[in-house]
Amino acid sequence: MKTNRREVADLLEKPGYVIRRAHQMSVALFEAKLASFKITAPQHLVMTAIYKHPHVDQATLADMVGLDKVTAGNIVMRLERRGMVERKRSPYNWRALALTVSKAGESLLLRTQDVVDATIDEMFENLSTHERIVLMRLLRRMIGAEPPSRAVNARTGRAAAKSAAR
């Protein structure tokens, strides 16, 4: 009698597991390196998004950073209490509150940037420059942040020029 027993894939063959473990490593490394700045990984993520998108409303911010609205709101509230972000009436929609990074928040982001860069380098220390570029491109494509047709020059890390029609 023949059985069609399927094999169960090893954990390291499951993308969700590997991505989750990489994320855990990233957060643990980040929080250890930035503990002296008294900022968590989610707070840094939210502040960076607000800094890059001034006057964003809280609902859009939550979508932007992949958090539910309540969690994003709690983070914003804690950052506001610390004087890192400000909420003001939106210049674009009088019903919405716009978020901006305060001067103190901007100072904190700028002071942490060298540590953030070093932390990213440490996270990718087992990858070549080319592997790092490819991994980031593929991760952005997975989350829908980069179109699949964008080719990257492996030597420079920049988008390759589109070839002429053949």
N, C-alpha and C. Protein backbone atom coordinates (compact mmCIF):
# COMPACT_ATOMS: atom_id res chain seq x y z
N MET A 1 0.83 -1.17 0.00
CA MET A 1 0.00 0.00 0.00
C MET A 1 0.90 1.25 0.00
N LYS A 2 0.64 2.15 -0.93
CA LYS A 2 1.45 3.35 -1.10
C LYS A 2 0.84 4.51 -0.31
N THR A 3 1.67 5.20 0.43
CA THR A 3 1.18 6.37 1.16
C THR A 3 1.79 7.63 0.55
N ASN A 4 1.03 8.68 0.55
CA ASN A 4 1.48 9.97 0.05
C ASN A 4 1.72 10.91 1.22
N ARG A 5 2.65 10.53 2.04
CA ARG A 5 2.94 11.35 3.20
C ARG A 5 3.85 12.52 2.80
N ARG A 6 3.39 13.71 3.10
CA ARG A 6 4.16 14.90 2.79
C ARG A 6 5.12 15.20 3.93
N GLU A 7 6.24 15.75 3.59
CA GLU A 7 7.21 16.17 4.59
C GLU A 7 6.82 17.54 5.15
N VAL A 8 7.09 17.74 6.40
CA VAL A 8 6.88 19.04 7.03
C VAL A 8 8.18 19.81 6.86
N ALA A 9 8.07 21.01 6.32
CA ALA A 9 9.26 21.82 6.07
C ALA A 9 9.94 22.21 7.37
N ASP A 10 11.24 22.28 7.33
CA ASP A 10 12.03 22.73 8.45
C ASP A 10 11.70 24.20 8.74
N LEU A 11 11.85 24.63 9.97
CA LEU A 11 11.56 26.01 10.32
C LEU A 11 12.32 27.01 9.45
N LEU A 12 13.57 26.69 9.14
CA LEU A 12 14.38 27.61 8.34
C LEU A 12 13.96 27.66 6.88
N GLU A 13 13.00 26.85 6.49
CA GLU A 13 12.44 26.89 5.14
C GLU A 13 11.11 27.65 5.11
N LYS A 14 10.67 28.08 6.27
CA LYS A 14 9.40 28.81 6.38
C LYS A 14 9.70 30.31 6.41
N PRO A 15 9.30 31.04 5.36
CA PRO A 15 9.64 32.47 5.30
C PRO A 15 9.10 33.27 6.48
N GLY A 16 7.90 32.98 6.94
CA GLY A 16 7.34 33.72 8.07
C GLY A 16 8.20 33.58 9.32
N TYR A 17 8.69 32.37 9.57
CA TYR A 17 9.56 32.14 10.73
C TYR A 17 10.87 32.91 10.59
N VAL A 18 11.49 32.83 9.43
CA VAL A 18 12.79 33.48 9.23
C VAL A 18 12.63 35.01 9.30
N ILE A 19 11.58 35.54 8.69
CA ILE A 19 11.34 36.99 8.74
C ILE A 19 11.08 37.42 10.18
N ARG A 20 10.30 36.64 10.91
CA ARG A 20 10.00 36.95 12.31
C ARG A 20 11.27 36.95 13.15
N ARG A 21 12.13 35.95 12.95
CA ARG A 21 13.38 35.88 13.71
C ARG A 21 14.31 37.06 13.37
N ALA A 22 14.36 37.42 12.08
CA ALA A 22 15.17 38.56 11.67
C ALA A 22 14.63 39.84 12.30
N HIS A 23 13.31 39.96 12.37
CA HIS A 23 12.69 41.13 12.99
C HIS A 23 13.01 41.17 14.49
N GLN A 24 12.92 40.02 15.16
CA GLN A 24 13.25 39.97 16.58
C GLN A 24 14.69 40.39 16.83
N MET A 25 15.59 39.90 15.96
CA MET A 25 17.00 40.25 16.08
C MET A 25 17.19 41.76 15.88
N SER A 26 16.51 42.30 14.89
CA SER A 26 16.60 43.71 14.57
C SER A 26 16.14 44.57 15.74
N VAL A 27 14.99 44.25 16.30
CA VAL A 27 14.44 45.04 17.41
C VAL A 27 15.33 44.93 18.64
N ALA A 28 15.78 43.72 18.97
CA ALA A 28 16.64 43.54 20.15
C ALA A 28 17.94 44.32 20.00
N LEU A 29 18.55 44.26 18.83
CA LEU A 29 19.79 44.97 18.58
C LEU A 29 19.57 46.48 18.66
N PHE A 30 18.51 46.94 18.02
CA PHE A 30 18.18 48.36 18.02
C PHE A 30 17.96 48.87 19.44
N GLU A 31 17.15 48.17 20.19
CA GLU A 31 16.81 48.65 21.53
C GLU A 31 18.02 48.60 22.47
N ALA A 32 18.91 47.64 22.28
CA ALA A 32 20.12 47.60 23.10
C ALA A 32 21.04 48.77 22.77
N LYS A 33 21.19 49.05 21.50
CA LYS A 33 22.10 50.12 21.07
C LYS A 33 21.55 51.51 21.40
N LEU A 34 20.22 51.66 21.39
CA LEU A 34 19.64 52.98 21.61
C LEU A 34 19.02 53.17 22.99
N ALA A 35 19.31 52.25 23.90
CA ALA A 35 18.73 52.34 25.25
C ALA A 35 19.09 53.65 25.94
N SER A 36 20.30 54.12 25.75
CA SER A 36 20.72 55.35 26.43
C SER A 36 19.96 56.59 25.93
N PHE A 37 19.35 56.49 24.75
CA PHE A 37 18.56 57.61 24.22
C PHE A 37 17.11 57.56 24.72
N LYS A 38 16.77 56.48 25.42
CA LYS A 38 15.42 56.30 25.97
C LYS A 38 14.35 56.37 24.88
N ILE A 39 14.60 55.62 23.79
CA ILE A 39 13.64 55.54 22.69
C ILE A 39 13.54 54.08 22.25
N THR A 40 12.33 53.62 22.05
CA THR A 40 12.12 52.25 21.60
C THR A 40 12.10 52.20 20.07
N ALA A 41 12.20 50.99 19.55
CA ALA A 41 12.16 50.82 18.09
C ALA A 41 10.85 51.35 17.51
N PRO A 42 9.68 51.02 18.08
CA PRO A 42 8.44 51.57 17.52
C PRO A 42 8.36 53.10 17.61
N GLN A 43 8.88 53.68 18.70
CA GLN A 43 8.88 55.13 18.82
C GLN A 43 9.77 55.76 17.75
N HIS A 44 10.92 55.17 17.52
CA HIS A 44 11.83 55.68 16.49
C HIS A 44 11.19 55.57 15.12
N LEU A 45 10.52 54.47 14.87
CA LEU A 45 9.82 54.27 13.59
C LEU A 45 8.76 55.35 13.38
N VAL A 46 7.95 55.60 14.39
CA VAL A 46 6.89 56.60 14.31
C VAL A 46 7.49 58.00 14.13
N MET A 47 8.52 58.33 14.92
CA MET A 47 9.14 59.65 14.78
C MET A 47 9.76 59.84 13.40
N THR A 48 10.40 58.80 12.88
CA THR A 48 11.00 58.89 11.55
C THR A 48 9.93 59.14 10.49
N ALA A 49 8.82 58.41 10.59
CA ALA A 49 7.73 58.59 9.61
C ALA A 49 7.16 60.00 9.69
N ILE A 50 6.97 60.52 10.89
CA ILE A 50 6.45 61.88 11.04
C ILE A 50 7.47 62.89 10.51
N TYR A 51 8.74 62.67 10.80
CA TYR A 51 9.79 63.57 10.34
C TYR A 51 9.83 63.61 8.80
N LYS A 52 9.70 62.44 8.18
CA LYS A 52 9.75 62.37 6.72
C LYS A 52 8.45 62.82 6.06
N HIS A 53 7.35 62.83 6.83
CA HIS A 53 6.03 63.20 6.31
C HIS A 53 5.36 64.18 7.27
N PRO A 54 5.89 65.40 7.38
CA PRO A 54 5.31 66.36 8.33
C PRO A 54 3.85 66.65 8.01
N HIS A 55 3.07 66.87 9.04
CA HIS A 55 1.64 67.17 8.96
C HIS A 55 0.79 65.95 8.61
N VAL A 56 1.37 64.75 8.77
CA VAL A 56 0.60 63.53 8.53
C VAL A 56 -0.44 63.40 9.64
N ASP A 57 -1.60 62.86 9.32
CA ASP A 57 -2.59 62.62 10.37
C ASP A 57 -2.32 61.25 10.99
N GLN A 58 -2.89 61.01 12.15
CA GLN A 58 -2.59 59.80 12.90
C GLN A 58 -3.05 58.52 12.20
N ALA A 59 -4.18 58.54 11.54
CA ALA A 59 -4.67 57.35 10.84
C ALA A 59 -3.74 56.99 9.68
N THR A 60 -3.32 58.01 8.93
CA THR A 60 -2.39 57.77 7.82
C THR A 60 -1.06 57.27 8.35
N LEU A 61 -0.60 57.86 9.45
CA LEU A 61 0.65 57.42 10.08
C LEU A 61 0.57 55.94 10.44
N ALA A 62 -0.52 55.53 11.06
CA ALA A 62 -0.68 54.13 11.46
C ALA A 62 -0.56 53.21 10.26
N ASP A 63 -1.23 53.56 9.16
CA ASP A 63 -1.13 52.75 7.93
C ASP A 63 0.30 52.75 7.40
N MET A 64 0.92 53.90 7.43
CA MET A 64 2.27 54.07 6.89
C MET A 64 3.28 53.17 7.59
N VAL A 65 3.17 53.05 8.91
CA VAL A 65 4.16 52.28 9.67
C VAL A 65 3.70 50.87 10.01
N GLY A 66 2.51 50.49 9.55
CA GLY A 66 2.05 49.12 9.76
C GLY A 66 1.62 48.81 11.18
N LEU A 67 1.06 49.80 11.85
CA LEU A 67 0.54 49.59 13.21
C LEU A 67 -0.96 49.84 13.20
N ASP A 68 -1.66 49.23 14.15
CA ASP A 68 -3.07 49.56 14.26
C ASP A 68 -3.19 50.96 14.84
N LYS A 69 -4.35 51.57 14.65
CA LYS A 69 -4.54 52.98 15.04
C LYS A 69 -4.38 53.21 16.54
N VAL A 70 -4.82 52.26 17.34
CA VAL A 70 -4.72 52.41 18.80
C VAL A 70 -3.26 52.40 19.24
N THR A 71 -2.49 51.44 18.71
CA THR A 71 -1.07 51.34 19.07
C THR A 71 -0.33 52.59 18.61
N ALA A 72 -0.56 53.02 17.37
CA ALA A 72 0.09 54.23 16.87
C ALA A 72 -0.30 55.43 17.73
N GLY A 73 -1.57 55.51 18.10
CA GLY A 73 -2.04 56.61 18.95
C GLY A 73 -1.37 56.61 20.30
N ASN A 74 -1.19 55.44 20.89
CA ASN A 74 -0.51 55.35 22.19
C ASN A 74 0.95 55.78 22.09
N ILE A 75 1.61 55.39 21.01
CA ILE A 75 3.00 55.79 20.82
C ILE A 75 3.09 57.30 20.64
N VAL A 76 2.20 57.86 19.81
CA VAL A 76 2.19 59.31 19.58
C VAL A 76 1.93 60.04 20.90
N MET A 77 0.99 59.54 21.70
CA MET A 77 0.67 60.17 22.97
C MET A 77 1.89 60.19 23.89
N ARG A 78 2.62 59.08 23.97
CA ARG A 78 3.82 59.03 24.82
C ARG A 78 4.90 59.99 24.30
N LEU A 79 5.06 60.02 22.97
CA LEU A 79 6.05 60.93 22.39
C LEU A 79 5.66 62.39 22.59
N GLU A 80 4.36 62.66 22.52
CA GLU A 80 3.88 64.03 22.73
C GLU A 80 4.14 64.45 24.18
N ARG A 81 3.87 63.56 25.12
CA ARG A 81 4.13 63.86 26.54
C ARG A 81 5.60 64.16 26.80
N ARG A 82 6.47 63.51 26.06
CA ARG A 82 7.92 63.73 26.21
C ARG A 82 8.40 64.95 25.43
N GLY A 83 7.49 65.58 24.67
CA GLY A 83 7.87 66.75 23.90
C GLY A 83 8.59 66.44 22.59
N MET A 84 8.44 65.20 22.12
CA MET A 84 9.13 64.79 20.90
C MET A 84 8.31 65.05 19.63
N VAL A 85 6.99 65.00 19.76
CA VAL A 85 6.10 65.30 18.63
C VAL A 85 5.02 66.27 19.09
N GLU A 86 4.44 66.95 18.11
CA GLU A 86 3.38 67.90 18.39
C GLU A 86 2.17 67.57 17.52
N ARG A 87 0.98 67.80 18.10
CA ARG A 87 -0.28 67.66 17.36
C ARG A 87 -0.90 69.04 17.23
N LYS A 88 -1.19 69.41 15.99
CA LYS A 88 -1.83 70.70 15.74
C LYS A 88 -2.90 70.49 14.67
N ARG A 89 -3.81 71.42 14.60
CA ARG A 89 -4.85 71.37 13.57
C ARG A 89 -4.17 71.29 12.20
N SER A 90 -4.63 70.37 11.37
CA SER A 90 -4.03 70.17 10.04
C SER A 90 -4.24 71.38 9.15
N PRO A 91 -3.19 71.80 8.45
CA PRO A 91 -3.35 72.92 7.50
C PRO A 91 -4.14 72.48 6.26
N TYR A 92 -4.34 71.18 6.09
CA TYR A 92 -5.00 70.65 4.90
C TYR A 92 -6.43 70.18 5.16
N ASN A 93 -6.75 69.87 6.42
CA ASN A 93 -8.06 69.35 6.77
C ASN A 93 -8.37 69.81 8.20
N TRP A 94 -9.26 70.77 8.35
CA TRP A 94 -9.53 71.36 9.66
C TRP A 94 -10.05 70.35 10.68
N ARG A 95 -10.58 69.21 10.23
CA ARG A 95 -11.10 68.20 11.16
C ARG A 95 -9.99 67.31 11.72
N ALA A 96 -8.86 67.27 11.04
CA ALA A 96 -7.78 66.34 11.44
C ALA A 96 -6.70 67.07 12.24
N LEU A 97 -6.00 66.28 13.04
CA LEU A 97 -4.83 66.80 13.74
C LEU A 97 -3.59 66.33 12.98
N ALA A 98 -2.72 67.28 12.71
CA ALA A 98 -1.48 66.98 11.99
C ALA A 98 -0.35 66.76 12.99
N LEU A 99 0.50 65.83 12.67
CA LEU A 99 1.63 65.51 13.53
C LEU A 99 2.91 66.07 12.94
N THR A 100 3.74 66.64 13.80
CA THR A 100 5.06 67.10 13.40
C THR A 100 6.05 66.72 14.49
N VAL A 101 7.29 66.57 14.10
CA VAL A 101 8.35 66.31 15.08
C VAL A 101 8.76 67.66 15.65
N SER A 102 8.85 67.75 16.96
CA SER A 102 9.26 68.99 17.62
C SER A 102 10.76 69.20 17.43
N LYS A 103 11.23 70.36 17.84
CA LYS A 103 12.69 70.63 17.78
C LYS A 103 13.45 69.60 18.62
N ALA A 104 12.91 69.27 19.79
CA ALA A 104 13.57 68.27 20.64
C ALA A 104 13.56 66.90 19.97
N GLY A 105 12.45 66.56 19.31
CA GLY A 105 12.36 65.29 18.60
C GLY A 105 13.32 65.22 17.43
N GLU A 106 13.42 66.32 16.70
CA GLU A 106 14.36 66.36 15.57
C GLU A 106 15.80 66.21 16.08
N SER A 107 16.10 66.87 17.16
CA SER A 107 17.44 66.76 17.76
C SER A 107 17.74 65.31 18.15
N LEU A 108 16.76 64.65 18.76
CA LEU A 108 16.94 63.25 19.15
C LEU A 108 17.16 62.37 17.92
N LEU A 109 16.33 62.55 16.90
CA LEU A 109 16.50 61.75 15.68
C LEU A 109 17.89 61.94 15.07
N LEU A 110 18.33 63.18 15.02
CA LEU A 110 19.64 63.45 14.42
C LEU A 110 20.78 62.89 15.29
N ARG A 111 20.63 62.97 16.61
CA ARG A 111 21.66 62.43 17.51
C ARG A 111 21.74 60.91 17.43
N THR A 112 20.62 60.25 17.15
CA THR A 112 20.61 58.79 17.10
C THR A 112 21.04 58.23 15.74
N GLN A 113 21.11 59.06 14.72
CA GLN A 113 21.30 58.55 13.36
C GLN A 113 22.59 57.74 13.18
N ASP A 114 23.70 58.18 13.76
CA ASP A 114 24.95 57.42 13.64
C ASP A 114 24.81 56.04 14.29
N VAL A 115 24.14 55.99 15.44
CA VAL A 115 23.94 54.72 16.13
C VAL A 115 23.00 53.82 15.31
N VAL A 116 21.95 54.42 14.75
CA VAL A 116 21.03 53.66 13.90
C VAL A 116 21.78 53.07 12.71
N ASP A 117 22.59 53.89 12.05
CA ASP A 117 23.36 53.40 10.90
C ASP A 117 24.31 52.27 11.29
N ALA A 118 24.98 52.41 12.41
CA ALA A 118 25.90 51.37 12.88
C ALA A 118 25.13 50.09 13.24
N THR A 119 23.94 50.26 13.80
CA THR A 119 23.11 49.11 14.15
C THR A 119 22.67 48.36 12.89
N ILE A 120 22.29 49.10 11.87
CA ILE A 120 21.91 48.48 10.60
C ILE A 120 23.10 47.74 10.01
N ASP A 121 24.27 48.35 10.05
CA ASP A 121 25.47 47.69 9.54
C ASP A 121 25.75 46.40 10.31
N GLU A 122 25.58 46.44 11.63
CA GLU A 122 25.80 45.24 12.44
C GLU A 122 24.77 44.16 12.11
N MET A 123 23.53 44.58 11.89
CA MET A 123 22.48 43.62 11.55
C MET A 123 22.81 42.90 10.24
N PHE A 124 23.43 43.61 9.31
CA PHE A 124 23.74 43.04 8.00
C PHE A 124 25.19 42.56 7.89
N GLU A 125 25.88 42.42 9.00
CA GLU A 125 27.32 42.11 8.94
C GLU A 125 27.64 40.80 8.23
N ASN A 126 26.72 39.87 8.18
CA ASN A 126 26.97 38.58 7.51
C ASN A 126 26.62 38.62 6.02
N LEU A 127 26.25 39.79 5.51
CA LEU A 127 25.86 39.93 4.10
C LEU A 127 26.85 40.83 3.38
N SER A 128 27.09 40.50 2.12
CA SER A 128 27.90 41.39 1.28
C SER A 128 27.06 42.62 0.95
N THR A 129 27.69 43.64 0.42
CA THR A 129 26.96 44.84 0.01
C THR A 129 25.89 44.48 -1.01
N HIS A 130 26.25 43.65 -1.97
CA HIS A 130 25.28 43.24 -2.99
C HIS A 130 24.10 42.49 -2.37
N GLU A 131 24.37 41.56 -1.44
CA GLU A 131 23.29 40.81 -0.79
C GLU A 131 22.38 41.73 0.00
N ARG A 132 22.97 42.71 0.67
CA ARG A 132 22.19 43.67 1.45
C ARG A 132 21.25 44.46 0.54
N ILE A 133 21.76 44.93 -0.60
CA ILE A 133 20.96 45.69 -1.56
C ILE A 133 19.82 44.82 -2.09
N VAL A 134 20.16 43.60 -2.46
CA VAL A 134 19.15 42.69 -3.01
C VAL A 134 18.10 42.35 -1.96
N LEU A 135 18.54 42.05 -0.74
CA LEU A 135 17.59 41.71 0.33
C LEU A 135 16.62 42.86 0.58
N MET A 136 17.15 44.07 0.70
CA MET A 136 16.28 45.22 0.95
C MET A 136 15.31 45.44 -0.21
N ARG A 137 15.79 45.28 -1.43
CA ARG A 137 14.91 45.44 -2.59
C ARG A 137 13.80 44.40 -2.56
N LEU A 138 14.14 43.15 -2.27
CA LEU A 138 13.14 42.08 -2.23
C LEU A 138 12.15 42.28 -1.08
N LEU A 139 12.62 42.72 0.07
CA LEU A 139 11.71 42.98 1.18
C LEU A 139 10.75 44.12 0.85
N ARG A 140 11.27 45.18 0.23
CA ARG A 140 10.38 46.28 -0.18
C ARG A 140 9.37 45.80 -1.21
N ARG A 141 9.79 44.94 -2.11
CA ARG A 141 8.86 44.39 -3.10
C ARG A 141 7.80 43.53 -2.41
N MET A 142 8.20 42.74 -1.41
CA MET A 142 7.24 41.89 -0.69
C MET A 142 6.13 42.71 -0.05
N ILE A 143 6.47 43.89 0.47
CA ILE A 143 5.47 44.71 1.15
C ILE A 143 4.78 45.68 0.20
N GLY A 144 5.11 45.58 -1.08
CA GLY A 144 4.45 46.41 -2.08
C GLY A 144 5.00 47.82 -2.17
N ALA A 145 6.20 48.03 -1.65
CA ALA A 145 6.79 49.37 -1.66
C ALA A 145 7.73 49.60 -2.84
N GLU A 146 7.96 48.57 -3.63
CA GLU A 146 8.85 48.71 -4.79
C GLU A 146 8.30 47.86 -5.92
N PRO A 147 8.19 48.44 -7.09
CA PRO A 147 7.67 47.66 -8.22
C PRO A 147 8.64 46.55 -8.62
N PRO A 148 8.14 45.45 -9.12
CA PRO A 148 9.00 44.31 -9.45
C PRO A 148 9.94 44.57 -10.61
N SER A 149 9.67 45.55 -11.44
CA SER A 149 10.50 45.76 -12.63
C SER A 149 11.74 46.60 -12.37
N ARG A 150 11.91 47.12 -11.19
CA ARG A 150 13.04 48.00 -10.91
C ARG A 150 14.33 47.19 -10.74
N ALA A 151 15.19 47.27 -11.71
CA ALA A 151 16.46 46.55 -11.67
C ALA A 151 17.49 47.41 -10.93
N VAL A 152 18.37 46.74 -10.19
CA VAL A 152 19.41 47.44 -9.46
C VAL A 152 20.76 46.97 -9.96
N ASN A 153 21.63 47.91 -10.22
CA ASN A 153 23.00 47.61 -10.63
C ASN A 153 23.72 47.07 -9.40
N ALA A 154 24.22 45.83 -9.49
CA ALA A 154 24.85 45.18 -8.34
C ALA A 154 26.12 45.90 -7.90
N ARG A 155 26.80 46.56 -8.80
CA ARG A 155 28.04 47.24 -8.47
C ARG A 155 27.80 48.55 -7.73
N THR A 156 26.83 49.33 -8.19
CA THR A 156 26.59 50.65 -7.62
C THR A 156 25.46 50.68 -6.61
N GLY A 157 24.53 49.72 -6.70
CA GLY A 157 23.38 49.71 -5.81
C GLY A 157 22.29 50.66 -6.26
N ARG A 158 22.47 51.28 -7.41
CA ARG A 158 21.48 52.23 -7.93
C ARG A 158 20.61 51.56 -8.98
N ALA A 159 19.47 52.17 -9.20
CA ALA A 159 18.56 51.65 -10.23
C ALA A 159 19.27 51.69 -11.57
N ALA A 160 19.20 50.60 -12.28
CA ALA A 160 19.84 50.52 -13.60
C ALA A 160 19.02 51.31 -14.60
N ALA A 161 19.69 51.89 -15.57
CA ALA A 161 19.00 52.63 -16.61
C ALA A 161 18.19 51.65 -17.45
N LYS A 162 17.02 52.11 -17.90
CA LYS A 162 16.19 51.25 -18.73
C LYS A 162 16.88 51.07 -20.06
N SER A 163 16.89 49.83 -20.53
CA SER A 163 17.55 49.55 -21.80
C SER A 163 16.68 50.03 -22.96
N ALA A 164 17.31 50.37 -24.05
CA ALA A 164 16.61 50.82 -25.24
C ALA A 164 15.81 49.66 -25.82
N ALA A 165 14.74 49.98 -26.51
CA ALA A 165 13.92 48.94 -27.14
C ALA A 165 14.75 48.14 -28.11
N ARG A 166 14.51 46.83 -28.16
CA ARG A 166 15.32 45.97 -29.01
C ARG A 166 14.74 45.82 -30.37
